[in-house]
PDB file of N, CA and C in Angstrom:
ATOM      1  N   ALA A   1     142.723 116.456 136.099  1.00  0.00           N
ATOM      2  CA  ALA A   1     143.049 116.448 137.543  1.00  0.00           C
ATOM      3  C   ALA A   1     142.883 117.869 138.102  1.00  0.00           C
ATOM      4  N   ALA A   2     143.378 118.836 137.330  1.00  0.00           N
ATOM      5  CA  ALA A   2     143.363 120.140 137.846  1.00  0.00           C
ATOM      6  C   ALA A   2     141.972 120.732 137.963  1.00  0.00           C
ATOM      7  N   ALA A   3     140.996 120.283 137.034  1.00  0.00           N
ATOM      8  CA  ALA A   3     139.686 120.836 137.146  1.00  0.00           C
ATOM      9  C   ALA A   3     138.966 120.044 138.372  1.00  0.00           C
ATOM     10  N   ARG A   4     139.219 118.742 138.609  1.00  0.00           N
ATOM     11  CA  ARG A   4     138.688 118.176 139.813  1.00  0.00           C
ATOM     12  C   ARG A   4     139.163 118.807 141.127  1.00  0.00           C
ATOM     13  N   ALA A   5     140.421 119.243 141.134  1.00  0.00           N
ATOM     14  CA  ALA A   5     140.999 119.960 142.301  1.00  0.00           C
ATOM     15  C   ALA A   5     140.256 121.309 142.584  1.00  0.00           C
ATOM     16  N   VAL A   6     140.155 122.051 141.474  1.00  0.00           N
ATOM     17  CA  VAL A   6     139.365 123.315 141.600  1.00  0.00           C
ATOM     18  C   VAL A   6     137.960 123.103 141.983  1.00  0.00           C
ATOM     19  N   LEU A   7     137.273 122.090 141.537  1.00  0.00           N
ATOM     20  CA  LEU A   7     135.930 121.776 141.883  1.00  0.00           C
ATOM     21  C   LEU A   7     135.818 121.482 143.322  1.00  0.00           C
ATOM     22  N   ALA A   8     136.827 120.747 143.847  1.00  0.00           N
ATOM     23  CA  ALA A   8     136.869 120.259 145.196  1.00  0.00           C
ATOM     24  C   ALA A   8     137.032 121.465 146.126  1.00  0.00           C
ATOM     25  N   LEU A   9     137.844 122.506 145.757  1.00  0.00           N
ATOM     26  CA  LEU A   9     137.997 123.702 146.454  1.00  0.00           C
ATOM     27  C   LEU A   9     136.743 124.431 146.544  1.00  0.00           C
ATOM     28  N   LEU A  10     136.063 124.546 145.466  1.00  0.00           N
ATOM     29  CA  LEU A  10     134.761 125.266 145.365  1.00  0.00           C
ATOM     30  C   LEU A  10     133.652 124.564 146.261  1.00  0.00           C
ATOM     31  N   ASP A  11     133.755 123.292 146.535  1.00  0.00           N
ATOM     32  CA  ASP A  11     132.828 122.634 147.347  1.00  0.00           C
ATOM     33  C   ASP A  11     133.181 122.649 148.911  1.00  0.00           C
ATOM     34  N   THR A  12     134.294 123.328 149.284  1.00  0.00           N
ATOM     35  CA  THR A  12     134.501 123.427 150.609  1.00  0.00           C
ATOM     36  C   THR A  12     133.707 124.428 151.397  1.00  0.00           C
ATOM     37  N   PRO A  13     133.248 124.126 152.637  1.00  0.00           N
ATOM     38  CA  PRO A  13     132.355 125.037 153.351  1.00  0.00           C
ATOM     39  C   PRO A  13     133.024 126.508 153.400  1.00  0.00           C
ATOM     40  N   GLY A  14     132.203 127.453 153.176  1.00  0.00           N
ATOM     41  CA  GLY A  14     132.586 128.843 153.272  1.00  0.00           C
ATOM     42  C   GLY A  14     133.277 129.332 152.001  1.00  0.00           C
ATOM     43  N   ALA A  15     133.290 128.446 150.917  1.00  0.00           N
ATOM     44  CA  ALA A  15     133.937 128.963 149.641  1.00  0.00           C
ATOM     45  C   ALA A  15     132.899 129.937 149.025  1.00  0.00           C
ATOM     46  N   ALA A  16     133.363 131.048 148.635  1.00  0.00           N
ATOM     47  CA  ALA A  16     132.611 132.109 148.006  1.00  0.00           C
ATOM     48  C   ALA A  16     132.587 131.738 146.581  1.00  0.00           C
ATOM     49  N   PRO A  17     131.381 131.745 145.857  1.00  0.00           N
ATOM     50  CA  PRO A  17     131.241 131.727 144.397  1.00  0.00           C
ATOM     51  C   PRO A  17     131.977 132.820 143.740  1.00  0.00           C
ATOM     52  N   ASP A  18     132.637 132.507 142.694  1.00  0.00           N
ATOM     53  CA  ASP A  18     133.367 133.457 141.950  1.00  0.00           C
ATOM     54  C   ASP A  18     133.042 133.315 140.396  1.00  0.00           C
ATOM     55  N   PRO A  19     132.613 134.238 139.756  1.00  0.00           N
ATOM     56  CA  PRO A  19     132.183 134.154 138.311  1.00  0.00           C
ATOM     57  C   PRO A  19     133.401 133.745 137.508  1.00  0.00           C
ATOM     58  N   ARG A  20     134.531 133.878 137.885  1.00  0.00           N
ATOM     59  CA  ARG A  20     135.796 133.639 137.048  1.00  0.00           C
ATOM     60  C   ARG A  20     135.781 132.033 136.932  1.00  0.00           C
ATOM     61  N   PHE A  21     135.299 131.286 137.785  1.00  0.00           N
ATOM     62  CA  PHE A  21     135.406 129.831 137.739  1.00  0.00           C
ATOM     63  C   PHE A  21     134.481 129.302 136.643  1.00  0.00           C
ATOM     64  N   GLY A  22     133.630 130.044 136.025  1.00  0.00           N
ATOM     65  CA  GLY A  22     132.788 129.724 134.888  1.00  0.00           C
ATOM     66  C   GLY A  22     133.652 129.513 133.685  1.00  0.00           C
ATOM     67  N   ALA A  23     134.983 129.945 133.693  1.00  0.00           N
ATOM     68  CA  ALA A  23     136.051 129.693 132.519  1.00  0.00           C
ATOM     69  C   ALA A  23     136.649 128.339 132.830  1.00  0.00           C
ATOM     70  N   LEU A  24     136.341 127.628 133.908  1.00  0.00           N
ATOM     71  CA  LEU A  24     136.932 126.334 134.108  1.00  0.00           C
ATOM     72  C   LEU A  24     136.683 125.363 133.012  1.00  0.00           C
ATOM     73  N   ALA A  25     137.779 124.793 132.489  1.00  0.00           N
ATOM     74  CA  ALA A  25     137.591 123.845 131.347  1.00  0.00           C
ATOM     75  C   ALA A  25     137.131 122.396 131.894  1.00  0.00           C
ATOM     76  N   LEU A  26     135.962 122.088 131.377  1.00  0.00           N
ATOM     77  CA  LEU A  26     135.475 120.710 131.631  1.00  0.00           C
ATOM     78  C   LEU A  26     135.060 120.078 130.294  1.00  0.00           C
ATOM     79  N   THR A  27     134.620 118.916 130.303  1.00  0.00           N
ATOM     80  CA  THR A  27     134.355 118.278 128.949  1.00  0.00           C
ATOM     81  C   THR A  27     132.912 118.115 128.757  1.00  0.00           C
ATOM     82  N   ASP A  28     132.485 118.202 127.510  1.00  0.00           N
ATOM     83  CA  ASP A  28     130.971 117.945 127.304  1.00  0.00           C
ATOM     84  C   ASP A  28     130.677 116.471 126.997  1.00  0.00           C
ATOM     85  N   GLU A  29     129.461 116.178 126.668  1.00  0.00           N
ATOM     86  CA  GLU A  29     128.973 114.714 126.643  1.00  0.00           C
ATOM     87  C   GLU A  29     129.827 114.076 125.435  1.00  0.00           C
ATOM     88  N   ASP A  30     130.415 114.773 124.517  1.00  0.00           N
ATOM     89  CA  ASP A  30     131.174 114.244 123.435  1.00  0.00           C
ATOM     90  C   ASP A  30     132.695 114.190 123.717  1.00  0.00           C
ATOM     91  N   GLY A  31     133.073 114.590 124.980  1.00  0.00           N
ATOM     92  CA  GLY A  31     134.457 114.591 125.362  1.00  0.00           C
ATOM     93  C   GLY A  31     135.224 115.785 124.887  1.00  0.00           C
ATOM     94  N   ARG A  32     134.582 116.784 124.338  1.00  0.00           N
ATOM     95  CA  ARG A  32     135.277 118.023 123.937  1.00  0.00           C
ATOM     96  C   ARG A  32     135.396 119.014 125.073  1.00  0.00           C
ATOM     97  N   PRO A  33     136.482 119.741 125.182  1.00  0.00           N
ATOM     98  CA  PRO A  33     136.707 120.753 126.197  1.00  0.00           C
ATOM     99  C   PRO A  33     135.673 121.839 125.951  1.00  0.00           C
ATOM    100  N   ALA A  34     135.089 122.325 127.104  1.00  0.00           N
ATOM    101  CA  ALA A  34     134.186 123.447 127.042  1.00  0.00           C
ATOM    102  C   ALA A  34     134.310 124.262 128.359  1.00  0.00           C
ATOM    103  N   ARG A  35     133.827 125.525 128.323  1.00  0.00           N
ATOM    104  CA  ARG A  35     133.937 126.293 129.620  1.00  0.00           C
ATOM    105  C   ARG A  35     132.704 125.720 130.422  1.00  0.00           C
ATOM    106  N   ALA A  36     132.913 125.798 131.784  1.00  0.00           N
ATOM    107  CA  ALA A  36     131.877 125.289 132.782  1.00  0.00           C
ATOM    108  C   ALA A  36     130.585 126.087 132.542  1.00  0.00           C
ATOM    109  N   ASP A  37     130.695 127.397 132.224  1.00  0.00           N
ATOM    110  CA  ASP A  37     129.474 128.280 132.152  1.00  0.00           C
ATOM    111  C   ASP A  37     128.836 128.099 130.775  1.00  0.00           C
ATOM    112  N   GLU A  38     129.223 127.292 129.928  1.00  0.00           N
ATOM    113  CA  GLU A  38     128.677 126.942 128.578  1.00  0.00           C
ATOM    114  C   GLU A  38     128.104 125.563 128.620  1.00  0.00           C
ATOM    115  N   LEU A  39     128.033 124.949 129.689  1.00  0.00           N
ATOM    116  CA  LEU A  39     127.481 123.592 129.754  1.00  0.00           C
ATOM    117  C   LEU A  39     126.151 123.470 130.708  1.00  0.00           C
ATOM    118  N   VAL A  40     125.264 122.618 130.462  1.00  0.00           N
ATOM    119  CA  VAL A  40     124.178 122.440 131.280  1.00  0.00           C
ATOM    120  C   VAL A  40     124.206 120.944 131.712  1.00  0.00           C
ATOM    121  N   LEU A  41     123.620 120.757 132.911  1.00  0.00           N
ATOM    122  CA  LEU A  41     123.466 119.360 133.521  1.00  0.00           C
ATOM    123  C   LEU A  41     122.581 118.526 132.529  1.00  0.00           C
ATOM    124  N   PRO A  42     122.980 117.186 132.372  1.00  0.00           N
ATOM    125  CA  PRO A  42     122.159 116.357 131.537  1.00  0.00           C
ATOM    126  C   PRO A  42     120.706 116.302 131.856  1.00  0.00           C
ATOM    127  N   ASP A  43     120.307 116.494 133.013  1.00  0.00           N
ATOM    128  CA  ASP A  43     118.935 116.372 133.455  1.00  0.00           C
ATOM    129  C   ASP A  43     118.261 117.882 133.654  1.00  0.00           C
ATOM    130  N   ALA A  44     118.996 118.832 133.067  1.00  0.00           N
ATOM    131  CA  ALA A  44     118.493 120.181 133.310  1.00  0.00           C
ATOM    132  C   ALA A  44     117.196 120.326 132.522  1.00  0.00           C
ATOM    133  N   ALA A  45     116.137 120.949 133.289  1.00  0.00           N
ATOM    134  CA  ALA A  45     114.820 121.180 132.676  1.00  0.00           C
ATOM    135  C   ALA A  45     115.040 122.194 131.488  1.00  0.00           C
ATOM    136  N   LEU A  46     115.911 123.059 131.634  1.00  0.00           N
ATOM    137  CA  LEU A  46     116.239 124.175 130.616  1.00  0.00           C
ATOM    138  C   LEU A  46     116.628 123.558 129.264  1.00  0.00           C
ATOM    139  N   ARG A  47     117.141 122.332 129.238  1.00  0.00           N
ATOM    140  CA  ARG A  47     117.525 121.755 127.928  1.00  0.00           C
ATOM    141  C   ARG A  47     116.434 121.777 126.829  1.00  0.00           C
ATOM    142  N   ASP A  48     115.277 121.332 127.311  1.00  0.00           N
ATOM    143  CA  ASP A  48     114.053 121.220 126.431  1.00  0.00           C
ATOM    144  C   ASP A  48     113.656 122.531 125.919  1.00  0.00           C
ATOM    145  N   LEU A  49     113.981 123.634 126.531  1.00  0.00           N
ATOM    146  CA  LEU A  49     113.590 124.965 126.216  1.00  0.00           C
ATOM    147  C   LEU A  49     114.541 125.626 125.148  1.00  0.00           C
ATOM    148  N   LEU A  50     115.918 125.099 125.143  1.00  0.00           N
ATOM    149  CA  LEU A  50     116.913 125.761 124.284  1.00  0.00           C
ATOM    150  C   LEU A  50     116.631 125.343 122.925  1.00  0.00           C
ATOM    151  N   ASP A  51     117.055 126.252 122.016  1.00  0.00           N
ATOM    152  CA  ASP A  51     116.948 125.995 120.572  1.00  0.00           C
ATOM    153  C   ASP A  51     118.114 125.041 120.233  1.00  0.00           C
ATOM    154  N   PRO A  52     117.996 124.011 119.391  1.00  0.00           N
ATOM    155  CA  PRO A  52     118.945 123.051 119.122  1.00  0.00           C
ATOM    156  C   PRO A  52     120.260 123.778 118.579  1.00  0.00           C
ATOM    157  N   ASP A  53     120.278 124.849 118.090  1.00  0.00           N
ATOM    158  CA  ASP A  53     121.484 125.612 117.650  1.00  0.00           C
ATOM    159  C   ASP A  53     122.093 126.463 118.766  1.00  0.00           C
ATOM    160  N   ALA A  54     121.502 126.521 119.972  1.00  0.00           N
ATOM    161  CA  ALA A  54     122.034 127.248 121.018  1.00  0.00           C
ATOM    162  C   ALA A  54     123.388 126.821 121.366  1.00  0.00           C
ATOM    163  N   PRO A  55     124.414 127.840 121.641  1.00  0.00           N
ATOM    164  CA  PRO A  55     125.807 127.398 121.789  1.00  0.00           C
ATOM    165  C   PRO A  55     125.927 126.974 123.326  1.00  0.00           C
ATOM    166  N   VAL A  56     125.167 125.987 123.604  1.00  0.00           N
ATOM    167  CA  VAL A  56     125.279 125.392 125.015  1.00  0.00           C
ATOM    168  C   VAL A  56     125.475 123.872 124.882  1.00  0.00           C
ATOM    169  N   GLY A  57     126.578 123.338 125.624  1.00  0.00           N
ATOM    170  CA  GLY A  57     126.678 121.915 125.522  1.00  0.00           C
ATOM    171  C   GLY A  57     126.077 121.277 126.907  1.00  0.00           C
ATOM    172  N   VAL A  58     126.289 119.963 126.905  1.00  0.00           N
ATOM    173  CA  VAL A  58     125.778 119.194 127.935  1.00  0.00           C
ATOM    174  C   VAL A  58     127.052 118.578 128.716  1.00  0.00           C
ATOM    175  N   LEU A  59     126.961 118.767 129.991  1.00  0.00           N
ATOM    176  CA  LEU A  59     128.182 118.290 130.797  1.00  0.00           C
ATOM    177  C   LEU A  59     128.381 116.864 130.615  1.00  0.00           C
ATOM    178  N   GLY A  60     129.627 116.409 130.505  1.00  0.00           N
ATOM    179  CA  GLY A  60     129.921 115.093 130.162  1.00  0.00           C
ATOM    180  C   GLY A  60     129.685 114.178 131.457  1.00  0.00           C
ATOM    181  N   PRO A  61     129.487 112.910 131.202  1.00  0.00           N
ATOM    182  CA  PRO A  61     129.188 111.989 132.214  1.00  0.00           C
ATOM    183  C   PRO A  61     130.283 111.747 133.239  1.00  0.00           C
ATOM    184  N   GLU A  62     131.492 112.048 132.883  1.00  0.00           N
ATOM    185  CA  GLU A  62     132.712 111.846 133.749  1.00  0.00           C
ATOM    186  C   GLU A  62     132.523 112.832 134.880  1.00  0.00           C
ATOM    187  N   TRP A  63     131.636 113.887 134.906  1.00  0.00           N
ATOM    188  CA  TRP A  63     131.508 114.817 135.983  1.00  0.00           C
ATOM    189  C   TRP A  63     130.418 114.503 136.832  1.00  0.00           C
ATOM    190  N   ALA A  64     129.696 113.296 136.672  1.00  0.00           N
ATOM    191  CA  ALA A  64     128.525 112.979 137.444  1.00  0.00           C
ATOM    192  C   ALA A  64     128.718 112.857 138.784  1.00  0.00           C
ATOM    193  N   ASP A  65     129.845 112.659 139.249  1.00  0.00           N
ATOM    194  CA  ASP A  65     130.179 112.410 140.756  1.00  0.00           C
ATOM    195  C   ASP A  65     130.598 113.729 141.476  1.00  0.00           C
ATOM    196  N   VAL A  66     130.604 114.798 140.705  1.00  0.00           N
ATOM    197  CA  VAL A  66     130.961 116.043 141.230  1.00  0.00           C
ATOM    198  C   VAL A  66     129.680 116.694 141.866  1.00  0.00           C
ATOM    199  N   PRO A  67     129.640 117.319 143.140  1.00  0.00           N
ATOM    200  CA  PRO A  67     128.601 117.912 143.721  1.00  0.00           C
ATOM    201  C   PRO A  67     127.856 118.879 142.761  1.00  0.00           C
ATOM    202  N   ARG A  68     126.546 118.802 142.643  1.00  0.00           N
ATOM    203  CA  ARG A  68     125.831 119.666 141.835  1.00  0.00           C
ATOM    204  C   ARG A  68     126.003 121.237 142.116  1.00  0.00           C
ATOM    205  N   ASP A  69     126.082 121.501 143.381  1.00  0.00           N
ATOM    206  CA  ASP A  69     126.139 122.890 143.720  1.00  0.00           C
ATOM    207  C   ASP A  69     127.284 123.562 143.091  1.00  0.00           C
TER     208      ASP A  69
END
């Protein structure tokens, strides 16, 4: 619930991006907690370019309704 509240605040008009929000805990596709800045979108073109051992997870489906920006 806290993560959704923070994401809603970030989606308000005039909200300035802040790199500290990359530390926001979200869940990956396996339901494990992960930093937002360590996750990629499920349909990100970048996924095909990453090494399988890259320390990057895929954002969990429960976040699909959050605005992509």
